[in-house]
Amino acid sequence: MREKAPPNSHAIVSLVLGVLSILMPLVGIVLGAMGIIFSIKARKEMNQKNEDDKGLATTGMICSVTGVIIQLLVVLIVLSISFFRLS
């Protein structure tokens, strides 16, 4: 029986940062960007080592991109509301 390799640490970090980027306002943009970087690193490492399980890295990428988009929309909404109140 083949023993399963432990998950890639960069993939775990990207997933955690991706989830935090969705939940934390304003800081989420930075966390999401870091999650994207870690996800790219994890996928490169997995390709070099011929590892099959890329699910954590993919999920981290999806959560990070989603978090960045949500946070940017929140910032744009807040700026537009404050701009129209001043006019």
N, C-alpha and C. Protein backbone atom coordinates (compact mmCIF):
# COMPACT_ATOMS: atom_id res chain seq x y z
N MET A 1 0.83 -1.16 0.00
CA MET A 1 0.00 0.00 0.00
C MET A 1 0.90 1.25 0.00
N ARG A 2 0.51 2.22 -0.82
CA ARG A 2 1.31 3.44 -0.95
C ARG A 2 0.93 4.43 0.14
N GLU A 3 1.94 4.94 0.83
CA GLU A 3 1.70 5.89 1.91
C GLU A 3 1.45 7.27 1.33
N LYS A 4 0.45 7.97 1.86
CA LYS A 4 0.10 9.28 1.35
C LYS A 4 1.09 10.33 1.87
N ALA A 5 1.55 11.19 0.98
CA ALA A 5 2.50 12.24 1.37
C ALA A 5 1.77 13.32 2.16
N PRO A 6 2.47 13.97 3.08
CA PRO A 6 1.84 15.06 3.84
C PRO A 6 1.53 16.24 2.91
N PRO A 7 0.53 17.02 3.26
CA PRO A 7 0.17 18.14 2.39
C PRO A 7 1.27 19.20 2.34
N ASN A 8 1.31 19.90 1.24
CA ASN A 8 2.29 20.95 1.04
C ASN A 8 1.99 22.11 2.00
N SER A 9 3.02 22.59 2.71
CA SER A 9 2.80 23.65 3.70
C SER A 9 2.40 24.96 3.05
N HIS A 10 2.93 25.25 1.85
CA HIS A 10 2.53 26.49 1.17
C HIS A 10 1.06 26.43 0.76
N ALA A 11 0.57 25.26 0.43
CA ALA A 11 -0.84 25.11 0.06
C ALA A 11 -1.73 25.37 1.27
N ILE A 12 -1.34 24.88 2.43
CA ILE A 12 -2.11 25.12 3.65
C ILE A 12 -2.12 26.60 3.99
N VAL A 13 -0.96 27.25 3.89
CA VAL A 13 -0.87 28.69 4.17
C VAL A 13 -1.74 29.47 3.20
N SER A 14 -1.74 29.10 1.92
CA SER A 14 -2.56 29.82 0.95
C SER A 14 -4.05 29.67 1.25
N LEU A 15 -4.45 28.48 1.70
CA LEU A 15 -5.85 28.27 2.05
C LEU A 15 -6.25 29.11 3.26
N VAL A 16 -5.41 29.12 4.29
CA VAL A 16 -5.71 29.91 5.49
C VAL A 16 -5.77 31.40 5.15
N LEU A 17 -4.80 31.89 4.37
CA LEU A 17 -4.81 33.30 4.00
C LEU A 17 -6.01 33.63 3.12
N GLY A 18 -6.40 32.70 2.26
CA GLY A 18 -7.57 32.93 1.42
C GLY A 18 -8.84 33.06 2.23
N VAL A 19 -9.03 32.20 3.19
CA VAL A 19 -10.22 32.28 4.05
C VAL A 19 -10.19 33.56 4.88
N LEU A 20 -9.03 33.91 5.42
CA LEU A 20 -8.93 35.15 6.20
C LEU A 20 -9.16 36.38 5.33
N SER A 21 -8.75 36.32 4.06
CA SER A 21 -8.95 37.47 3.19
C SER A 21 -10.44 37.73 2.94
N ILE A 22 -11.24 36.69 2.99
CA ILE A 22 -12.69 36.87 2.83
C ILE A 22 -13.30 37.47 4.09
N LEU A 23 -12.78 37.09 5.25
CA LEU A 23 -13.41 37.46 6.51
C LEU A 23 -12.94 38.79 7.10
N MET A 24 -11.73 39.23 6.78
CA MET A 24 -11.16 40.41 7.42
C MET A 24 -11.22 41.63 6.50
N PRO A 25 -11.95 42.66 6.92
CA PRO A 25 -12.07 43.85 6.07
C PRO A 25 -10.75 44.61 5.97
N LEU A 26 -10.49 45.18 4.82
CA LEU A 26 -9.34 45.99 4.46
C LEU A 26 -8.02 45.24 4.48
N VAL A 27 -7.74 44.53 5.54
CA VAL A 27 -6.52 43.72 5.60
C VAL A 27 -6.62 42.54 4.64
N GLY A 28 -7.85 42.20 4.27
CA GLY A 28 -8.10 41.07 3.40
C GLY A 28 -7.47 41.20 2.04
N ILE A 29 -7.28 42.44 1.56
CA ILE A 29 -6.65 42.63 0.26
C ILE A 29 -5.21 42.13 0.31
N VAL A 30 -4.51 42.50 1.36
CA VAL A 30 -3.10 42.09 1.51
C VAL A 30 -3.03 40.58 1.75
N LEU A 31 -3.89 40.07 2.59
CA LEU A 31 -3.89 38.64 2.87
C LEU A 31 -4.22 37.83 1.62
N GLY A 32 -5.15 38.33 0.82
CA GLY A 32 -5.50 37.65 -0.42
C GLY A 32 -4.34 37.62 -1.40
N ALA A 33 -3.63 38.75 -1.51
CA ALA A 33 -2.47 38.79 -2.40
C ALA A 33 -1.40 37.81 -1.94
N MET A 34 -1.18 37.74 -0.63
CA MET A 34 -0.21 36.79 -0.09
C MET A 34 -0.67 35.36 -0.34
N GLY A 35 -1.97 35.11 -0.21
CA GLY A 35 -2.52 33.78 -0.47
C GLY A 35 -2.32 33.35 -1.91
N ILE A 36 -2.48 34.29 -2.84
CA ILE A 36 -2.25 33.99 -4.26
C ILE A 36 -0.79 33.62 -4.49
N ILE A 37 0.12 34.37 -3.88
CA ILE A 37 1.56 34.09 -4.04
C ILE A 37 1.90 32.71 -3.48
N PHE A 38 1.39 32.39 -2.29
CA PHE A 38 1.68 31.09 -1.70
C PHE A 38 1.06 29.95 -2.51
N SER A 39 -0.10 30.19 -3.09
CA SER A 39 -0.73 29.17 -3.91
C SER A 39 0.09 28.88 -5.16
N ILE A 40 0.62 29.93 -5.78
CA ILE A 40 1.47 29.75 -6.96
C ILE A 40 2.73 28.98 -6.58
N LYS A 41 3.34 29.34 -5.44
CA LYS A 41 4.54 28.61 -4.98
C LYS A 41 4.23 27.14 -4.73
N ALA A 42 3.08 26.88 -4.10
CA ALA A 42 2.71 25.49 -3.78
C ALA A 42 2.53 24.68 -5.06
N ARG A 43 1.86 25.26 -6.05
CA ARG A 43 1.65 24.52 -7.31
C ARG A 43 2.96 24.26 -8.03
N LYS A 44 3.89 25.22 -7.98
CA LYS A 44 5.20 25.01 -8.60
C LYS A 44 5.96 23.89 -7.90
N GLU A 45 5.93 23.88 -6.57
CA GLU A 45 6.60 22.82 -5.81
C GLU A 45 5.98 21.46 -6.11
N MET A 46 4.66 21.43 -6.20
CA MET A 46 3.98 20.16 -6.48
C MET A 46 4.29 19.66 -7.88
N ASN A 47 4.41 20.57 -8.83
CA ASN A 47 4.78 20.16 -10.19
C ASN A 47 6.21 19.63 -10.25
N GLN A 48 7.13 20.23 -9.47
CA GLN A 48 8.51 19.78 -9.46
C GLN A 48 8.65 18.41 -8.80
N LYS A 49 7.84 18.16 -7.77
CA LYS A 49 7.92 16.90 -7.04
C LYS A 49 6.95 15.85 -7.59
N ASN A 50 6.23 16.19 -8.63
CA ASN A 50 5.24 15.28 -9.24
C ASN A 50 4.18 14.81 -8.25
N GLU A 51 3.73 15.71 -7.40
CA GLU A 51 2.66 15.39 -6.46
C GLU A 51 1.32 15.55 -7.16
N ASP A 52 0.38 14.69 -6.82
CA ASP A 52 -0.92 14.70 -7.49
C ASP A 52 -1.95 15.59 -6.80
N ASP A 53 -1.90 15.68 -5.50
CA ASP A 53 -2.95 16.36 -4.73
C ASP A 53 -2.73 17.87 -4.74
N LYS A 54 -3.39 18.56 -5.68
CA LYS A 54 -3.26 20.01 -5.78
C LYS A 54 -4.52 20.71 -5.30
N GLY A 55 -5.37 19.99 -4.61
CA GLY A 55 -6.66 20.54 -4.17
C GLY A 55 -6.54 21.68 -3.20
N LEU A 56 -5.64 21.57 -2.22
CA LEU A 56 -5.47 22.64 -1.25
C LEU A 56 -4.97 23.91 -1.92
N ALA A 57 -4.01 23.78 -2.82
CA ALA A 57 -3.47 24.95 -3.52
C ALA A 57 -4.53 25.61 -4.39
N THR A 58 -5.34 24.79 -5.05
CA THR A 58 -6.40 25.34 -5.90
C THR A 58 -7.46 26.04 -5.06
N THR A 59 -7.84 25.42 -3.96
CA THR A 59 -8.83 26.02 -3.07
C THR A 59 -8.30 27.31 -2.46
N GLY A 60 -7.02 27.31 -2.10
CA GLY A 60 -6.39 28.53 -1.58
C GLY A 60 -6.41 29.65 -2.61
N MET A 61 -6.14 29.30 -3.87
CA MET A 61 -6.17 30.30 -4.94
C MET A 61 -7.58 30.86 -5.12
N ILE A 62 -8.57 29.98 -5.13
CA ILE A 62 -9.96 30.43 -5.31
C ILE A 62 -10.40 31.33 -4.16
N CYS A 63 -10.10 30.93 -2.93
CA CYS A 63 -10.48 31.75 -1.77
C CYS A 63 -9.74 33.09 -1.77
N SER A 64 -8.47 33.08 -2.14
CA SER A 64 -7.69 34.31 -2.14
C SER A 64 -8.21 35.29 -3.19
N VAL A 65 -8.47 34.81 -4.39
CA VAL A 65 -8.99 35.68 -5.45
C VAL A 65 -10.37 36.20 -5.07
N THR A 66 -11.20 35.33 -4.52
CA THR A 66 -12.53 35.75 -4.08
C THR A 66 -12.43 36.81 -2.99
N GLY A 67 -11.53 36.61 -2.03
CA GLY A 67 -11.35 37.58 -0.96
C GLY A 67 -10.88 38.93 -1.47
N VAL A 68 -9.95 38.93 -2.42
CA VAL A 68 -9.46 40.19 -2.98
C VAL A 68 -10.59 40.91 -3.71
N ILE A 69 -11.37 40.18 -4.49
CA ILE A 69 -12.47 40.79 -5.23
C ILE A 69 -13.51 41.37 -4.28
N ILE A 70 -13.88 40.63 -3.24
CA ILE A 70 -14.86 41.11 -2.27
C ILE A 70 -14.34 42.36 -1.57
N GLN A 71 -13.09 42.33 -1.14
CA GLN A 71 -12.54 43.48 -0.43
C GLN A 71 -12.44 44.72 -1.32
N LEU A 72 -12.07 44.52 -2.59
CA LEU A 72 -12.01 45.66 -3.51
C LEU A 72 -13.40 46.23 -3.76
N LEU A 73 -14.41 45.37 -3.86
CA LEU A 73 -15.78 45.86 -4.02
C LEU A 73 -16.24 46.65 -2.79
N VAL A 74 -15.89 46.17 -1.61
CA VAL A 74 -16.25 46.88 -0.38
C VAL A 74 -15.59 48.25 -0.36
N VAL A 75 -14.31 48.32 -0.71
CA VAL A 75 -13.61 49.61 -0.72
C VAL A 75 -14.24 50.55 -1.74
N LEU A 76 -14.57 50.04 -2.94
CA LEU A 76 -15.20 50.88 -3.95
C LEU A 76 -16.57 51.38 -3.51
N ILE A 77 -17.34 50.52 -2.86
CA ILE A 77 -18.66 50.93 -2.37
C ILE A 77 -18.53 52.01 -1.31
N VAL A 78 -17.62 51.83 -0.37
CA VAL A 78 -17.42 52.82 0.69
C VAL A 78 -16.95 54.14 0.11
N LEU A 79 -16.02 54.10 -0.84
CA LEU A 79 -15.54 55.34 -1.46
C LEU A 79 -16.63 56.04 -2.25
N SER A 80 -17.44 55.27 -2.96
CA SER A 80 -18.51 55.89 -3.75
C SER A 80 -19.58 56.50 -2.84
N ILE A 81 -19.91 55.84 -1.76
CA ILE A 81 -20.89 56.40 -0.81
C ILE A 81 -20.34 57.67 -0.19
N SER A 82 -19.09 57.67 0.22
CA SER A 82 -18.52 58.87 0.84
C SER A 82 -18.37 60.00 -0.20
N PHE A 83 -18.10 59.67 -1.45
CA PHE A 83 -17.97 60.68 -2.49
C PHE A 83 -19.32 61.36 -2.77
N PHE A 84 -20.39 60.55 -2.84
CA PHE A 84 -21.70 61.12 -3.14
C PHE A 84 -22.29 61.86 -1.96
N ARG A 85 -21.87 61.56 -0.77
CA ARG A 85 -22.33 62.32 0.40
C ARG A 85 -21.70 63.71 0.42
N LEU A 86 -20.48 63.83 -0.07
CA LEU A 86 -19.81 65.12 -0.09
C LEU A 86 -20.37 66.04 -1.16
N SER A 87 -20.96 65.48 -2.21
CA SER A 87 -21.44 66.33 -3.31
C SER A 87 -22.79 66.94 -3.02
